[in-house]
Amino acid sequence: MIKLMSNSEEIINRVSNSSIISLDLETLYPQGERVEYDMAQNLYQGLVLKEMDFRLFVKQHDWAQYEGKHVAVNCSTDAIIPTWAYMLMASKLQPYAQTVVLGDKEKLETVLFTKMLSEIDPEQYRDAKVVVKGCSNLPVPDAAYVELTTILRPVVASLMFGEPCSTVPVYKKKSGVKSNK
């Protein structure tokens, strides 16, 4: 409780005294450097992937530079990259990189958050009023908020977005309805 100095009246912080649980996705932000590998740099004349040239590149490339990193592999041009080429990249990156995904950095963030969210025990939020914090300093993809909603909705009493003092209602369990178990 906070006391006013002038009138000696107490100001009660109803937010901190409430049963609302604040969940900040930023606290789940997977650590590690994110990098993109653009396969356009391996295309012959920017159009086609030549197998012999690509295999030579794969053999000579320093894969250890991806140690501990999260890597998004993509192609920024409209070239058709054979599936085996992406598989070959993944096979070389896997021993070093923490994560390898096919796509851009946004796809990488989505995959990283989906993995982290899959480790949440929704039971800890059973019948709780949960506010998912909306502002973050780190890049939390919209897909993470959608994934979290699908995880929590079956168990929470209510789900809100924003800050405990100013929320947007997302879901509220109807009175008398039990949460799915």
C-alpha atoms as a PDB file:
ATOM      1  CA  MET A   1       0.000   0.000   0.000  1.00  0.00           C
ATOM      2  CA  ILE A   2       1.081   3.546  -0.757  1.00  0.00           C
ATOM      3  CA  LYS A   3       0.334   6.350   1.679  1.00  0.00           C
ATOM      4  CA  LEU A   4      -0.263   9.945   0.705  1.00  0.00           C
ATOM      5  CA  MET A   5       2.015  12.215   2.645  1.00  0.00           C
ATOM      6  CA  SER A   6      -0.375  15.196   2.807  1.00  0.00           C
ATOM      7  CA  ASN A   7      -3.673  13.682   3.954  1.00  0.00           C
ATOM      8  CA  SER A   8      -2.455  10.430   5.468  1.00  0.00           C
ATOM      9  CA  GLU A   9      -5.063   8.645   3.339  1.00  0.00           C
ATOM     10  CA  GLU A  10      -4.047   5.343   1.899  1.00  0.00           C
ATOM     11  CA  ILE A  11      -4.055   4.750  -1.831  1.00  0.00           C
ATOM     12  CA  ILE A  12      -4.736   1.122  -2.505  1.00  0.00           C
ATOM     13  CA  ASN A  13      -3.126  -0.384  -5.564  1.00  0.00           C
ATOM     14  CA  ARG A  14      -5.956  -2.621  -6.732  1.00  0.00           C
ATOM     15  CA  VAL A  15      -3.903  -4.007  -9.617  1.00  0.00           C
ATOM     16  CA  SER A  16      -1.153  -5.403  -7.378  1.00  0.00           C
ATOM     17  CA  ASN A  17      -3.749  -6.686  -4.905  1.00  0.00           C
ATOM     18  CA  SER A  18      -5.825  -8.431  -7.576  1.00  0.00           C
ATOM     19  CA  SER A  19      -5.618 -12.052  -8.607  1.00  0.00           C
ATOM     20  CA  ILE A  20      -4.603 -11.073 -12.146  1.00  0.00           C
ATOM     21  CA  ILE A  21      -1.531 -12.861 -13.471  1.00  0.00           C
ATOM     22  CA  SER A  22       0.592 -10.810 -15.849  1.00  0.00           C
ATOM     23  CA  LEU A  23       2.403 -12.848 -18.497  1.00  0.00           C
ATOM     24  CA  ASP A  24       5.202 -11.168 -20.450  1.00  0.00           C
ATOM     25  CA  LEU A  25       6.237 -13.051 -23.588  1.00  0.00           C
ATOM     26  CA  GLU A  26       9.446 -11.054 -23.633  1.00  0.00           C
ATOM     27  CA  THR A  27      10.602 -13.080 -20.599  1.00  0.00           C
ATOM     28  CA  LEU A  28      10.456 -16.189 -22.796  1.00  0.00           C
ATOM     29  CA  TYR A  29      12.579 -14.595 -25.520  1.00  0.00           C
ATOM     30  CA  PRO A  30      15.003 -17.294 -26.709  1.00  0.00           C
ATOM     31  CA  GLN A  31      18.588 -16.131 -26.276  1.00  0.00           C
ATOM     32  CA  GLY A  32      21.146 -16.384 -29.042  1.00  0.00           C
ATOM     33  CA  GLU A  33      22.153 -14.519 -32.166  1.00  0.00           C
ATOM     34  CA  ARG A  34      19.838 -14.699 -35.169  1.00  0.00           C
ATOM     35  CA  VAL A  35      21.291 -14.886 -38.673  1.00  0.00           C
ATOM     36  CA  GLU A  36      19.887 -15.360 -42.139  1.00  0.00           C
ATOM     37  CA  TYR A  37      21.539 -17.349 -44.882  1.00  0.00           C
ATOM     38  CA  ASP A  38      20.324 -16.256 -48.319  1.00  0.00           C
ATOM     39  CA  MET A  39      20.825 -18.988 -50.885  1.00  0.00           C
ATOM     40  CA  ALA A  40      20.597 -16.396 -53.663  1.00  0.00           C
ATOM     41  CA  GLN A  41      24.358 -16.000 -53.212  1.00  0.00           C
ATOM     42  CA  ASN A  42      24.774 -19.593 -54.416  1.00  0.00           C
ATOM     43  CA  LEU A  43      22.836 -19.135 -57.662  1.00  0.00           C
ATOM     44  CA  TYR A  44      24.522 -19.187 -61.041  1.00  0.00           C
ATOM     45  CA  GLN A  45      23.830 -15.820 -62.720  1.00  0.00           C
ATOM     46  CA  GLY A  46      21.198 -15.222 -60.022  1.00  0.00           C
ATOM     47  CA  LEU A  47      18.882 -17.752 -61.641  1.00  0.00           C
ATOM     48  CA  VAL A  48      19.724 -21.372 -61.013  1.00  0.00           C
ATOM     49  CA  LEU A  49      21.479 -23.542 -58.481  1.00  0.00           C
ATOM     50  CA  LYS A  50      24.161 -25.647 -60.147  1.00  0.00           C
ATOM     51  CA  GLU A  51      24.574 -28.854 -58.191  1.00  0.00           C
ATOM     52  CA  MET A  52      28.331 -29.302 -58.631  1.00  0.00           C
ATOM     53  CA  ASP A  53      29.083 -25.678 -57.684  1.00  0.00           C
ATOM     54  CA  PHE A  54      26.741 -25.834 -54.719  1.00  0.00           C
ATOM     55  CA  ARG A  55      28.230 -29.088 -53.429  1.00  0.00           C
ATOM     56  CA  LEU A  56      31.721 -27.569 -53.686  1.00  0.00           C
ATOM     57  CA  PHE A  57      30.525 -24.535 -51.709  1.00  0.00           C
ATOM     58  CA  VAL A  58      28.997 -26.790 -49.044  1.00  0.00           C
ATOM     59  CA  LYS A  59      32.253 -28.742 -48.767  1.00  0.00           C
ATOM     60  CA  GLN A  60      34.437 -25.623 -48.412  1.00  0.00           C
ATOM     61  CA  HIS A  61      32.174 -23.345 -46.344  1.00  0.00           C
ATOM     62  CA  ASP A  62      33.082 -22.651 -42.700  1.00  0.00           C
ATOM     63  CA  TRP A  63      30.008 -24.022 -40.941  1.00  0.00           C
ATOM     64  CA  ALA A  64      31.518 -23.459 -37.484  1.00  0.00           C
ATOM     65  CA  GLN A  65      30.708 -19.728 -37.823  1.00  0.00           C
ATOM     66  CA  TYR A  66      27.086 -20.643 -37.025  1.00  0.00           C
ATOM     67  CA  GLU A  67      28.004 -22.167 -33.658  1.00  0.00           C
ATOM     68  CA  GLY A  68      25.239 -21.485 -31.138  1.00  0.00           C
ATOM     69  CA  LYS A  69      23.233 -19.284 -33.513  1.00  0.00           C
ATOM     70  CA  HIS A  70      19.642 -19.452 -34.690  1.00  0.00           C
ATOM     71  CA  VAL A  71      19.723 -19.643 -38.497  1.00  0.00           C
ATOM     72  CA  ALA A  72      17.014 -18.838 -41.034  1.00  0.00           C
ATOM     73  CA  VAL A  73      17.758 -20.246 -44.485  1.00  0.00           C
ATOM     74  CA  ASN A  74      15.945 -18.721 -47.433  1.00  0.00           C
ATOM     75  CA  CYS A  75      16.278 -17.470 -50.984  1.00  0.00           C
ATOM     76  CA  SER A  76      15.498 -13.814 -51.631  1.00  0.00           C
ATOM     77  CA  THR A  77      14.997 -14.309 -55.367  1.00  0.00           C
ATOM     78  CA  ASP A  78      12.299 -16.109 -57.301  1.00  0.00           C
ATOM     79  CA  ALA A  79      14.687 -18.912 -58.227  1.00  0.00           C
ATOM     80  CA  ILE A  80      13.554 -22.465 -57.740  1.00  0.00           C
ATOM     81  CA  ILE A  81      15.751 -24.122 -55.146  1.00  0.00           C
ATOM     82  CA  PRO A  82      15.541 -27.913 -55.107  1.00  0.00           C
ATOM     83  CA  THR A  83      14.432 -29.420 -51.813  1.00  0.00           C
ATOM     84  CA  TRP A  84      17.634 -31.442 -51.483  1.00  0.00           C
ATOM     85  CA  ALA A  85      19.643 -28.171 -51.405  1.00  0.00           C
ATOM     86  CA  TYR A  86      17.742 -26.949 -48.337  1.00  0.00           C
ATOM     87  CA  MET A  87      18.198 -30.378 -46.781  1.00  0.00           C
ATOM     88  CA  LEU A  88      21.932 -30.252 -47.464  1.00  0.00           C
ATOM     89  CA  MET A  89      22.155 -26.811 -45.845  1.00  0.00           C
ATOM     90  CA  ALA A  90      20.272 -28.073 -42.791  1.00  0.00           C
ATOM     91  CA  SER A  91      22.521 -31.119 -42.503  1.00  0.00           C
ATOM     92  CA  LYS A  92      25.615 -28.905 -42.452  1.00  0.00           C
ATOM     93  CA  LEU A  93      24.151 -26.289 -40.089  1.00  0.00           C
ATOM     94  CA  GLN A  94      22.589 -28.705 -37.595  1.00  0.00           C
ATOM     95  CA  PRO A  95      25.786 -29.731 -35.786  1.00  0.00           C
ATOM     96  CA  TYR A  96      26.569 -26.066 -35.040  1.00  0.00           C
ATOM     97  CA  ALA A  97      23.402 -23.987 -34.971  1.00  0.00           C
ATOM     98  CA  GLN A  98      20.940 -24.031 -32.077  1.00  0.00           C
ATOM     99  CA  THR A  99      18.070 -23.781 -34.554  1.00  0.00           C
ATOM    100  CA  VAL A 100      17.708 -24.085 -38.323  1.00  0.00           C
ATOM    101  CA  VAL A 101      14.517 -23.066 -40.116  1.00  0.00           C
ATOM    102  CA  LEU A 102      13.497 -22.550 -43.713  1.00  0.00           C
ATOM    103  CA  GLY A 103      12.262 -18.983 -43.978  1.00  0.00           C
ATOM    104  CA  ASP A 104      13.092 -15.428 -42.988  1.00  0.00           C
ATOM    105  CA  LYS A 105      13.888 -13.987 -39.565  1.00  0.00           C
ATOM    106  CA  GLU A 106      10.192 -13.545 -38.780  1.00  0.00           C
ATOM    107  CA  LYS A 107       9.625 -17.243 -39.424  1.00  0.00           C
ATOM    108  CA  LEU A 108      12.638 -17.974 -37.229  1.00  0.00           C
ATOM    109  CA  GLU A 109      11.186 -15.924 -34.356  1.00  0.00           C
ATOM    110  CA  THR A 110       7.850 -17.706 -34.754  1.00  0.00           C
ATOM    111  CA  VAL A 111       9.496 -21.122 -34.592  1.00  0.00           C
ATOM    112  CA  LEU A 112      11.592 -20.141 -31.568  1.00  0.00           C
ATOM    113  CA  PHE A 113       8.588 -18.801 -29.654  1.00  0.00           C
ATOM    114  CA  THR A 114       6.390 -21.754 -30.607  1.00  0.00           C
ATOM    115  CA  LYS A 115       9.017 -24.072 -29.173  1.00  0.00           C
ATOM    116  CA  MET A 116       9.291 -22.033 -25.963  1.00  0.00           C
ATOM    117  CA  LEU A 117       5.514 -21.824 -25.581  1.00  0.00           C
ATOM    118  CA  SER A 118       5.153 -25.584 -26.031  1.00  0.00           C
ATOM    119  CA  GLU A 119       7.081 -25.938 -22.770  1.00  0.00           C
ATOM    120  CA  ILE A 120       4.553 -23.899 -20.771  1.00  0.00           C
ATOM    121  CA  ASP A 121       2.394 -25.899 -18.383  1.00  0.00           C
ATOM    122  CA  PRO A 122      -1.088 -24.420 -18.954  1.00  0.00           C
ATOM    123  CA  GLU A 123      -2.280 -25.935 -15.661  1.00  0.00           C
ATOM    124  CA  GLN A 124      -0.457 -23.220 -13.745  1.00  0.00           C
ATOM    125  CA  TYR A 125      -3.002 -20.805 -15.238  1.00  0.00           C
ATOM    126  CA  ARG A 126      -6.122 -22.912 -14.563  1.00  0.00           C
ATOM    127  CA  ASP A 127      -9.114 -20.682 -13.745  1.00  0.00           C
ATOM    128  CA  ALA A 128      -6.810 -17.644 -13.524  1.00  0.00           C
ATOM    129  CA  LYS A 129      -7.313 -14.154 -14.875  1.00  0.00           C
ATOM    130  CA  VAL A 130      -4.361 -13.658 -17.203  1.00  0.00           C
ATOM    131  CA  VAL A 131      -3.130 -10.482 -18.856  1.00  0.00           C
ATOM    132  CA  VAL A 132      -0.672 -10.980 -21.688  1.00  0.00           C
ATOM    133  CA  LYS A 133       1.637  -7.982 -21.700  1.00  0.00           C
ATOM    134  CA  GLY A 134       1.406  -6.113 -24.980  1.00  0.00           C
ATOM    135  CA  CYS A 135       4.489  -3.911 -25.089  1.00  0.00           C
ATOM    136  CA  SER A 136       7.946  -5.357 -25.427  1.00  0.00           C
ATOM    137  CA  ASN A 137      11.406  -4.168 -26.337  1.00  0.00           C
ATOM    138  CA  LEU A 138      12.234  -7.409 -28.137  1.00  0.00           C
ATOM    139  CA  PRO A 139      10.649  -8.652 -31.373  1.00  0.00           C
ATOM    140  CA  VAL A 140       7.795 -10.890 -30.219  1.00  0.00           C
ATOM    141  CA  PRO A 141       5.935 -12.113 -33.325  1.00  0.00           C
ATOM    142  CA  ASP A 142       2.147 -11.884 -33.503  1.00  0.00           C
ATOM    143  CA  ALA A 143       2.127 -15.645 -34.023  1.00  0.00           C
ATOM    144  CA  ALA A 144       3.428 -16.061 -30.452  1.00  0.00           C
ATOM    145  CA  TYR A 145       0.388 -14.237 -29.071  1.00  0.00           C
ATOM    146  CA  VAL A 146      -1.917 -16.438 -31.159  1.00  0.00           C
ATOM    147  CA  GLU A 147      -0.122 -19.599 -29.994  1.00  0.00           C
ATOM    148  CA  LEU A 148      -0.310 -18.491 -26.364  1.00  0.00           C
ATOM    149  CA  THR A 149      -4.036 -17.826 -26.749  1.00  0.00           C
ATOM    150  CA  THR A 150      -4.654 -21.354 -28.041  1.00  0.00           C
ATOM    151  CA  ILE A 151      -2.657 -22.783 -25.125  1.00  0.00           C
ATOM    152  CA  LEU A 152      -4.344 -20.735 -22.394  1.00  0.00           C
ATOM    153  CA  ARG A 153      -7.941 -20.363 -23.562  1.00  0.00           C
ATOM    154  CA  PRO A 154      -9.021 -23.892 -22.560  1.00  0.00           C
ATOM    155  CA  VAL A 155      -7.896 -23.379 -18.949  1.00  0.00           C
ATOM    156  CA  VAL A 156      -8.118 -19.704 -17.960  1.00  0.00           C
ATOM    157  CA  ALA A 157     -11.084 -17.872 -16.457  1.00  0.00           C
ATOM    158  CA  SER A 158     -10.238 -14.847 -18.581  1.00  0.00           C
ATOM    159  CA  LEU A 159      -7.576 -13.750 -21.006  1.00  0.00           C
ATOM    160  CA  MET A 160      -6.717 -10.120 -21.611  1.00  0.00           C
ATOM    161  CA  PHE A 161      -4.139  -8.204 -23.610  1.00  0.00           C
ATOM    162  CA  GLY A 162      -2.258  -5.096 -22.495  1.00  0.00           C
ATOM    163  CA  GLU A 163      -1.295  -4.053 -18.999  1.00  0.00           C
ATOM    164  CA  PRO A 164      -3.179  -4.975 -15.788  1.00  0.00           C
ATOM    165  CA  CYS A 165      -4.293  -1.339 -15.413  1.00  0.00           C
ATOM    166  CA  SER A 166      -5.530  -1.098 -19.029  1.00  0.00           C
ATOM    167  CA  THR A 167      -6.551  -4.288 -20.793  1.00  0.00           C
ATOM    168  CA  VAL A 168      -8.386  -5.432 -23.874  1.00  0.00           C
ATOM    169  CA  PRO A 169     -10.586  -8.460 -23.133  1.00  0.00           C
ATOM    170  CA  VAL A 170      -9.819 -11.426 -25.372  1.00  0.00           C
ATOM    171  CA  TYR A 171     -11.730 -14.276 -23.727  1.00  0.00           C
ATOM    172  CA  LYS A 172     -13.900 -14.797 -20.683  1.00  0.00           C
ATOM    173  CA  LYS A 173     -15.203 -18.169 -19.580  1.00  0.00           C
ATOM    174  CA  LYS A 174     -18.971 -18.238 -19.191  1.00  0.00           C
ATOM    175  CA  SER A 175     -20.271 -18.572 -15.635  1.00  0.00           C
ATOM    176  CA  GLY A 176     -20.794 -22.126 -14.526  1.00  0.00           C
ATOM    177  CA  VAL A 177     -18.655 -23.592 -17.320  1.00  0.00           C
ATOM    178  CA  LYS A 178     -15.729 -25.747 -16.223  1.00  0.00           C
ATOM    179  CA  SER A 179     -12.365 -25.430 -17.943  1.00  0.00           C
ATOM    180  CA  ASN A 180     -11.291 -28.261 -20.233  1.00  0.00           C
ATOM    181  CA  LYS A 181      -8.995 -30.736 -18.523  1.00  0.00           C
END
